[in-house]
Amino acid sequence: MNTADNEILHNIIEIQGCVIQGRSLKALLHNNIDFYLKKSDADIITIYMNEHEKVNLEYILEEHRLFAHLVQKYILTKKKLNWGNFVKDCENHFNSDRHYLRIDHLNQLFKGILTQKETDAFTSELQMKEAVLMPMYAFDKQEKIGYICFIFKTKREIDLEKLKGVQLLFQTLLQPLYDTNHNIVYTRCSRVDDNMRLLTEQEKRIVRKVLSGQSYPEIAEILSVSINTLKTHMKHIFNKYNVTSKIELQKKLNSPI
């Protein structure tokens, strides 16, 4: 194992150790942005995870918030990022032995989600010259749990071995935290007890989303219910478990991995 491999392995162990202690994965990744960008030579790293058949775009690693700002401008304020639509145009590239896709325009990433005009503007404002997209797999090496995209803002010689090392790093980090049954990333080292015998099916869906860190407005939109209806459900859930807060509920229902 070379020095670079040792550094990546050390980072995986360190991050997983912190997650086991209950620290937020998102915060830990952001604390290590410089490490990931240096290891890949990329200007921006974006991670797209399948969460309830929607694209989770929380993991954006960049020195400045340009990509995050443009995602908000062009996508999140207008569109629902459907996972099926997102992967539809890139699946064919990864069905064989091909493990990466080089792209030079964001239309190749967001085709079917944004118009050509929107992706033209997005690409121009981002000043993207090239990007490399790689899938990330579950433990079975068959199911894709997400994609990682390395974005370069200047023309350069891209070291694919470096990118594969960083891709493996994130895949290794996310595999044990990803629930393939419910399509959700557990950002801390705890999982909902699937029994939850006191709850209705709708209440179970709500609890899983609450404990994954999603806000009430986000959950209400996903489940197509009003905020007031959601709050009523939460009141019933609290009463069933004799708790008064989400923190107390988490302690009741979660157990360490």
Protein backbone atom coordinates (compact mmCIF):
# COMPACT_ATOMS: atom_id res chain seq x y z
CA MET A 1 0.00 0.00 0.00
CA ASN A 2 1.50 3.37 -1.02
CA THR A 3 1.47 6.63 0.94
CA ALA A 4 -1.65 7.93 -0.82
CA ASP A 5 -3.53 4.70 -0.03
CA ASN A 6 -2.48 4.94 3.61
CA GLU A 7 -3.76 8.52 3.85
CA ILE A 8 -7.11 7.56 2.35
CA LEU A 9 -7.42 4.52 4.64
CA HIS A 10 -6.59 6.68 7.66
CA ASN A 11 -9.25 9.20 6.61
CA ILE A 12 -11.88 6.46 6.25
CA ILE A 13 -11.07 5.05 9.69
CA GLU A 14 -11.07 8.50 11.29
CA ILE A 15 -14.40 9.55 9.74
CA GLN A 16 -16.11 6.25 10.55
CA GLY A 17 -14.85 6.45 14.12
CA CYS A 18 -16.33 9.93 14.50
CA VAL A 19 -19.64 8.81 12.98
CA ILE A 20 -19.78 5.90 15.46
CA GLN A 21 -19.39 8.48 18.22
CA GLY A 22 -22.48 10.28 16.89
CA ARG A 23 -20.92 13.14 14.95
CA SER A 24 -22.56 14.40 11.75
CA LEU A 25 -21.19 12.88 8.53
CA LYS A 26 -21.94 16.05 6.57
CA ALA A 27 -19.98 18.21 9.02
CA LEU A 28 -17.07 15.76 9.03
CA LEU A 29 -16.86 15.77 5.23
CA HIS A 30 -16.91 19.54 5.11
CA ASN A 31 -14.11 19.68 7.66
CA ASN A 32 -12.01 17.60 5.23
CA ILE A 33 -12.77 19.44 1.99
CA ASP A 34 -9.14 20.40 1.36
CA PHE A 35 -8.06 16.76 1.74
CA TYR A 36 -10.57 15.43 -0.81
CA LEU A 37 -9.91 18.18 -3.35
CA LYS A 38 -6.15 17.69 -3.07
CA LYS A 39 -6.41 13.91 -3.41
CA SER A 40 -8.50 14.19 -6.57
CA ASP A 41 -7.05 17.42 -8.02
CA ALA A 42 -10.67 18.44 -8.65
CA ASP A 43 -12.05 21.92 -8.05
CA ILE A 44 -15.44 20.66 -6.88
CA ILE A 45 -16.72 17.25 -5.77
CA THR A 46 -20.46 16.59 -5.79
CA ILE A 47 -22.15 13.45 -4.48
CA TYR A 48 -25.62 12.39 -5.61
CA MET A 49 -27.39 9.84 -3.39
CA ASN A 50 -30.67 8.02 -3.95
CA GLU A 51 -32.93 9.04 -1.08
CA HIS A 52 -36.57 7.99 -1.33
CA GLU A 53 -36.24 8.00 -5.14
CA LYS A 54 -35.14 11.65 -5.01
CA VAL A 55 -31.61 12.94 -5.51
CA ASN A 56 -29.99 13.98 -2.23
CA LEU A 57 -27.59 16.80 -3.09
CA GLU A 58 -26.39 17.65 0.42
CA TYR A 59 -22.79 16.58 -0.16
CA ILE A 60 -21.11 19.33 -2.19
CA LEU A 61 -17.41 19.76 -1.47
CA GLU A 62 -15.99 23.05 -2.72
CA GLU A 63 -13.92 25.92 -1.36
CA HIS A 64 -16.60 28.44 -2.26
CA ARG A 65 -20.35 27.90 -2.45
CA LEU A 66 -20.62 28.47 -6.21
CA PHE A 67 -21.99 25.04 -7.19
CA ALA A 68 -24.35 25.01 -4.19
CA HIS A 69 -25.60 28.47 -5.18
CA LEU A 70 -26.16 27.43 -8.80
CA VAL A 71 -27.96 24.23 -7.77
CA GLN A 72 -30.29 26.36 -5.68
CA LYS A 73 -30.75 28.81 -8.56
CA TYR A 74 -31.36 26.36 -11.38
CA ILE A 75 -32.71 23.23 -9.72
CA LEU A 76 -33.90 23.24 -6.12
CA THR A 77 -36.14 26.30 -6.42
CA LYS A 78 -37.88 24.92 -9.53
CA LYS A 79 -37.48 21.19 -9.83
CA LYS A 80 -37.84 17.99 -7.90
CA LEU A 81 -34.76 15.92 -8.55
CA ASN A 82 -36.26 12.55 -9.38
CA TRP A 83 -33.68 9.76 -9.02
CA GLY A 84 -35.04 7.80 -11.97
CA ASN A 85 -34.80 10.80 -14.30
CA PHE A 86 -31.35 11.64 -13.01
CA VAL A 87 -29.82 8.24 -13.74
CA LYS A 88 -31.81 7.47 -16.90
CA ASP A 89 -29.32 9.01 -19.33
CA CYS A 90 -26.15 7.78 -17.63
CA GLU A 91 -27.14 4.19 -16.76
CA ASN A 92 -26.12 2.87 -20.17
CA HIS A 93 -22.56 4.06 -19.55
CA PHE A 94 -22.21 1.88 -16.44
CA ASN A 95 -24.02 -1.29 -17.43
CA SER A 96 -20.86 -2.88 -18.85
CA ASP A 97 -17.33 -2.76 -17.49
CA ARG A 98 -17.08 0.99 -17.85
CA HIS A 99 -16.58 2.64 -14.47
CA TYR A 100 -16.48 6.33 -15.32
CA LEU A 101 -17.93 8.90 -17.72
CA ARG A 102 -16.10 12.02 -18.87
CA ILE A 103 -18.40 14.95 -19.57
CA ASP A 104 -17.82 18.49 -20.78
CA HIS A 105 -21.30 19.95 -20.32
CA LEU A 106 -23.82 19.75 -17.49
CA ASN A 107 -26.50 18.75 -19.98
CA GLN A 108 -24.93 15.29 -19.80
CA LEU A 109 -25.59 15.27 -16.05
CA PHE A 110 -28.97 17.03 -15.81
CA LYS A 111 -30.58 16.09 -19.13
CA GLY A 112 -34.28 15.49 -18.53
CA ILE A 113 -34.18 17.70 -15.43
CA LEU A 114 -33.04 21.02 -16.88
CA THR A 115 -33.52 22.48 -20.35
CA GLN A 116 -30.59 22.94 -22.72
CA LYS A 117 -30.74 26.69 -22.07
CA GLU A 118 -30.57 26.13 -18.31
CA THR A 119 -27.65 23.71 -18.52
CA ASP A 120 -25.84 26.11 -20.89
CA ALA A 121 -26.16 28.88 -18.31
CA PHE A 122 -25.28 26.55 -15.41
CA THR A 123 -22.13 25.28 -17.17
CA SER A 124 -21.08 28.81 -18.15
CA GLU A 125 -21.52 30.29 -14.68
CA LEU A 126 -19.74 27.34 -13.11
CA GLN A 127 -16.90 27.75 -15.63
CA MET A 128 -16.71 23.98 -15.90
CA LYS A 129 -14.28 22.64 -18.49
CA GLU A 130 -14.62 18.93 -17.78
CA ALA A 131 -16.01 16.51 -15.22
CA VAL A 132 -15.76 12.81 -14.44
CA LEU A 133 -18.78 10.89 -13.14
CA MET A 134 -18.40 7.59 -11.28
CA PRO A 135 -21.04 5.33 -9.70
CA MET A 136 -20.90 4.20 -6.07
CA TYR A 137 -22.17 0.74 -5.18
CA ALA A 138 -23.79 -0.99 -2.23
CA PHE A 139 -22.05 -3.92 -0.53
CA ASP A 140 -23.38 -6.31 -3.17
CA LYS A 141 -21.39 -4.40 -5.86
CA GLN A 142 -24.54 -4.43 -8.01
CA GLU A 143 -26.97 -1.81 -6.70
CA LYS A 144 -25.92 1.79 -7.21
CA ILE A 145 -26.45 3.92 -4.12
CA GLY A 146 -25.15 7.10 -5.70
CA TYR A 147 -22.76 8.86 -8.02
CA ILE A 148 -19.72 11.02 -7.40
CA CYS A 149 -18.76 13.77 -9.83
CA PHE A 150 -15.35 15.45 -9.99
CA ILE A 151 -15.57 18.89 -11.61
CA PHE A 152 -12.59 20.67 -13.16
CA LYS A 153 -12.66 24.38 -14.00
CA THR A 154 -9.44 24.36 -16.02
CA LYS A 155 -8.19 22.04 -18.72
CA ARG A 156 -5.68 19.60 -17.24
CA GLU A 157 -4.52 16.03 -17.41
CA ILE A 158 -6.90 14.06 -15.23
CA ASP A 159 -5.46 11.24 -13.13
CA LEU A 160 -8.20 8.61 -13.14
CA GLU A 161 -6.40 6.50 -10.52
CA LYS A 162 -6.58 9.41 -8.08
CA LEU A 163 -10.29 9.78 -8.78
CA LYS A 164 -10.87 6.05 -8.28
CA GLY A 165 -9.13 6.29 -4.90
CA VAL A 166 -11.41 9.11 -3.74
CA GLN A 167 -14.46 7.37 -5.21
CA LEU A 168 -13.59 4.25 -3.20
CA LEU A 169 -13.12 6.38 -0.10
CA PHE A 170 -16.65 7.80 -0.30
CA GLN A 171 -18.17 4.47 -1.32
CA THR A 172 -16.55 2.82 1.71
CA LEU A 173 -17.77 5.60 4.00
CA LEU A 174 -21.34 5.55 2.73
CA GLN A 175 -21.98 1.82 2.31
CA PRO A 176 -22.57 1.03 6.01
CA LEU A 177 -24.66 4.19 6.43
CA TYR A 178 -26.93 3.57 3.47
CA ASP A 179 -30.17 1.63 3.97
CA THR A 180 -30.94 0.01 0.61
CA ASN A 181 -34.42 -1.05 1.81
CA HIS A 182 -35.58 2.50 2.51
CA ASN A 183 -33.17 4.41 0.24
CA ILE A 184 -31.84 6.69 2.92
CA VAL A 185 -28.46 7.78 4.28
CA TYR A 186 -28.11 7.67 8.05
CA THR A 187 -25.87 10.65 8.73
CA ARG A 188 -25.09 9.48 12.26
CA CYS A 189 -24.37 5.98 13.47
CA SER A 190 -27.90 5.01 14.45
CA ARG A 191 -30.78 3.27 12.75
CA VAL A 192 -34.49 3.20 13.40
CA ASP A 193 -35.80 0.03 14.97
CA ASP A 194 -37.88 -1.30 12.08
CA ASN A 195 -40.47 -2.86 14.42
CA MET A 196 -41.95 0.38 15.86
CA ARG A 197 -45.04 -1.62 16.71
CA LEU A 198 -46.91 1.37 18.17
CA LEU A 199 -46.86 3.34 14.94
CA THR A 200 -48.95 3.30 11.79
CA GLU A 201 -47.19 2.89 8.43
CA GLN A 202 -47.50 6.63 7.75
CA GLU A 203 -46.09 7.44 11.20
CA LYS A 204 -43.16 5.09 10.56
CA ARG A 205 -42.41 6.89 7.29
CA ILE A 206 -42.47 10.23 9.10
CA VAL A 207 -40.23 9.02 11.93
CA ARG A 208 -37.61 7.65 9.54
CA LYS A 209 -37.44 11.00 7.78
CA VAL A 210 -37.36 12.98 11.03
CA LEU A 211 -34.52 10.88 12.43
CA SER A 212 -32.57 11.21 9.18
CA GLY A 213 -32.46 14.97 9.78
CA GLN A 214 -35.09 16.16 7.30
CA SER A 215 -37.12 19.23 8.23
CA TYR A 216 -40.89 19.32 8.63
CA PRO A 217 -41.38 21.30 5.36
CA GLU A 218 -39.23 18.78 3.47
CA ILE A 219 -41.13 15.82 4.91
CA ALA A 220 -44.51 17.43 4.25
CA GLU A 221 -43.57 17.98 0.60
CA ILE A 222 -42.25 14.43 0.12
CA LEU A 223 -45.36 12.87 1.69
CA SER A 224 -47.76 15.38 0.08
CA VAL A 225 -49.33 16.46 3.37
CA SER A 226 -49.76 19.86 4.98
CA ILE A 227 -47.49 21.09 7.77
CA ASN A 228 -50.45 21.03 10.17
CA THR A 229 -51.22 17.40 9.29
CA LEU A 230 -47.57 16.50 9.79
CA LYS A 231 -47.51 18.21 13.19
CA THR A 232 -50.64 16.29 14.20
CA HIS A 233 -48.89 13.03 13.26
CA MET A 234 -45.85 14.06 15.31
CA LYS A 235 -48.07 14.86 18.29
CA HIS A 236 -49.57 11.37 18.12
CA ILE A 237 -46.10 9.83 17.79
CA PHE A 238 -44.81 11.77 20.82
CA ASN A 239 -47.84 10.68 22.85
CA LYS A 240 -47.38 7.01 21.94
CA TYR A 241 -43.79 7.05 23.19
CA ASN A 242 -44.38 9.51 26.05
CA VAL A 243 -41.80 12.00 24.77
CA THR A 244 -41.92 15.72 24.10
CA SER A 245 -39.14 16.29 21.56
CA LYS A 246 -37.41 14.78 18.54
CA ILE A 247 -34.28 14.23 20.65
CA GLU A 248 -36.21 12.15 23.19
CA LEU A 249 -37.88 10.24 20.37
CA GLN A 250 -34.50 9.48 18.83
CA LYS A 251 -33.27 8.05 22.12
CA LYS A 252 -36.37 5.86 22.36
CA LEU A 253 -36.20 4.43 18.85
CA ASN A 254 -32.55 4.42 17.91
CA SER A 255 -29.93 1.91 18.86
CA PRO A 256 -26.22 1.94 17.96
CA ILE A 257 -25.11 -0.10 14.96
